[in-house]
Amino acid sequence: MHELSVALSIVTSVGELAEARGFTRIDAVTLQIGELSGIDKNALAFAWDLATEGSPAAGARLEFREVGLEVKCTSCGVHRRPDKIWELACPTCPAAPPEIVAGRELRVVSVEVPN
C-alpha cells in the first residue's frame, strides 16, 4: 500500500510548513489528485489517520479535488478530455502519441489552520 508512504510524505511537508509559519495545528489539507495519479483515495484516507498520529495534522480533514484526464494531440494540437483512459489516441490522427496535459497530479493545494 504505497498510499501510506504518500500520506507520510504529505504529513511531513505540511508539518514543516506549519512549523515554519508558527502553527501548532492543522485542521484540513486539500489535495489535487489526477485520474492517472495511481492514488486510491480511499486507501489514502485510511492511511492519513495513521500517518498524522502525533503530528500537527492529527485529526485534520483530508479533502480531495479530482483532476480529469486531458490530452493534447502532438500532431494536430487538439485538446480534449477522453471519456475513457484507454481512448488517448486522437480521433483525427490516431497514430500520433498524445501529450498528457492534466490528470497525473498529486499536490497539496491548501492547508487550513486554526484562526
Protein backbone atom coordinates (compact mmCIF):
# COMPACT_ATOMS: atom_id res chain seq x y z
CA MET A 1 0.00 0.00 0.00
CA HIS A 2 2.04 2.93 -1.26
CA GLU A 3 -0.65 5.35 -0.08
CA LEU A 4 0.83 5.16 3.43
CA SER A 5 4.19 6.44 2.18
CA VAL A 6 2.36 9.15 0.21
CA ALA A 7 0.41 10.15 3.34
CA LEU A 8 3.60 10.24 5.42
CA SER A 9 5.28 12.45 2.83
CA ILE A 10 2.33 14.86 2.80
CA VAL A 11 2.26 14.98 6.61
CA THR A 12 5.98 15.80 6.65
CA SER A 13 5.55 18.58 4.07
CA VAL A 14 2.55 20.24 5.70
CA GLY A 15 4.11 19.80 9.15
CA GLU A 16 7.25 21.64 8.02
CA LEU A 17 5.08 24.38 6.51
CA ALA A 18 3.08 24.75 9.73
CA GLU A 19 6.24 24.87 11.85
CA ALA A 20 7.87 27.47 9.58
CA ARG A 21 4.80 29.69 9.90
CA GLY A 22 4.36 29.18 13.66
CA PHE A 23 1.25 26.98 13.62
CA THR A 24 0.94 24.08 16.03
CA ARG A 25 -2.15 22.52 14.49
CA ILE A 26 -3.53 21.79 11.03
CA ASP A 27 -7.29 21.49 10.59
CA ALA A 28 -7.50 20.36 6.96
CA VAL A 29 -5.40 19.52 3.93
CA THR A 30 -6.77 19.65 0.39
CA LEU A 31 -5.11 17.57 -2.32
CA GLN A 32 -5.43 17.73 -6.07
CA ILE A 33 -5.44 14.17 -7.41
CA GLY A 34 -5.33 13.35 -11.10
CA GLU A 35 -7.23 10.49 -12.67
CA LEU A 36 -3.93 8.88 -13.73
CA SER A 37 -2.03 9.53 -10.49
CA GLY A 38 -2.34 5.93 -9.36
CA ILE A 39 -3.63 7.01 -5.95
CA ASP A 40 -6.56 5.21 -4.37
CA LYS A 41 -8.37 7.97 -2.46
CA ASN A 42 -9.98 5.53 -0.01
CA ALA A 43 -6.65 3.92 0.82
CA LEU A 44 -5.04 7.35 1.18
CA ALA A 45 -7.82 8.50 3.52
CA PHE A 46 -7.31 5.35 5.62
CA ALA A 47 -3.54 5.84 5.67
CA TRP A 48 -3.99 9.53 6.55
CA ASP A 49 -5.26 8.69 10.04
CA LEU A 50 -2.21 6.51 10.69
CA ALA A 51 0.26 8.97 9.16
CA THR A 52 -0.99 12.01 11.08
CA GLU A 53 -0.89 10.40 14.50
CA GLY A 54 1.24 12.51 16.84
CA SER A 55 1.77 15.26 14.25
CA PRO A 56 0.32 18.79 13.92
CA ALA A 57 -2.09 17.28 11.35
CA ALA A 58 -3.55 14.72 13.79
CA GLY A 59 -7.32 14.77 13.36
CA ALA A 60 -7.12 17.00 10.27
CA ARG A 61 -9.63 16.53 7.47
CA LEU A 62 -8.26 15.29 4.18
CA GLU A 63 -10.14 16.70 1.20
CA PHE A 64 -9.78 15.87 -2.48
CA ARG A 65 -10.14 17.82 -5.71
CA GLU A 66 -10.19 15.46 -8.65
CA VAL A 67 -8.46 16.37 -11.89
CA GLY A 68 -9.75 14.68 -15.02
CA LEU A 69 -7.59 13.41 -17.82
CA GLU A 70 -6.81 15.94 -20.55
CA VAL A 71 -4.65 15.23 -23.58
CA LYS A 72 -3.24 17.23 -26.47
CA CYS A 73 -2.55 15.72 -29.86
CA THR A 74 1.11 16.20 -30.74
CA SER A 75 0.24 16.24 -34.43
CA CYS A 76 -2.83 18.49 -34.83
CA GLY A 77 -2.78 20.19 -31.40
CA VAL A 78 -6.38 19.44 -30.42
CA HIS A 79 -7.04 19.44 -26.64
CA ARG A 80 -9.65 17.03 -25.35
CA ARG A 81 -10.86 15.04 -22.38
CA PRO A 82 -11.15 11.37 -23.33
CA ASP A 83 -14.24 9.61 -21.99
CA LYS A 84 -12.13 6.59 -21.04
CA ILE A 85 -8.45 6.46 -20.12
CA TRP A 86 -7.74 3.90 -22.83
CA GLU A 87 -9.06 6.28 -25.52
CA LEU A 88 -5.98 8.51 -25.58
CA ALA A 89 -5.33 8.48 -29.32
CA CYS A 90 -6.59 11.50 -31.24
CA PRO A 91 -9.72 10.65 -33.27
CA THR A 92 -8.33 12.72 -36.17
CA CYS A 93 -4.71 11.49 -36.21
CA PRO A 94 -4.74 8.21 -34.24
CA ALA A 95 -1.09 7.41 -35.00
CA ALA A 96 0.23 10.46 -33.12
CA PRO A 97 1.05 9.84 -29.45
CA PRO A 98 -0.80 12.29 -27.17
CA GLU A 99 0.74 14.60 -24.63
CA ILE A 100 -0.93 14.25 -21.23
CA VAL A 101 -1.77 17.81 -20.18
CA ALA A 102 -3.66 17.03 -16.96
CA GLY A 103 -4.55 14.01 -14.90
CA ARG A 104 -1.27 12.93 -13.29
CA GLU A 105 -1.35 15.48 -10.46
CA LEU A 106 -0.82 14.76 -6.80
CA ARG A 107 -0.26 18.03 -4.97
CA VAL A 108 -1.25 19.85 -1.83
CA VAL A 109 -3.36 22.83 -2.85
CA SER A 110 -4.30 24.18 0.56
CA VAL A 111 -3.63 23.77 4.26
CA GLU A 112 -6.22 25.05 6.72
CA VAL A 113 -5.05 26.14 10.17
CA PRO A 114 -6.98 27.48 13.19
CA ASN A 115 -7.74 31.22 13.34
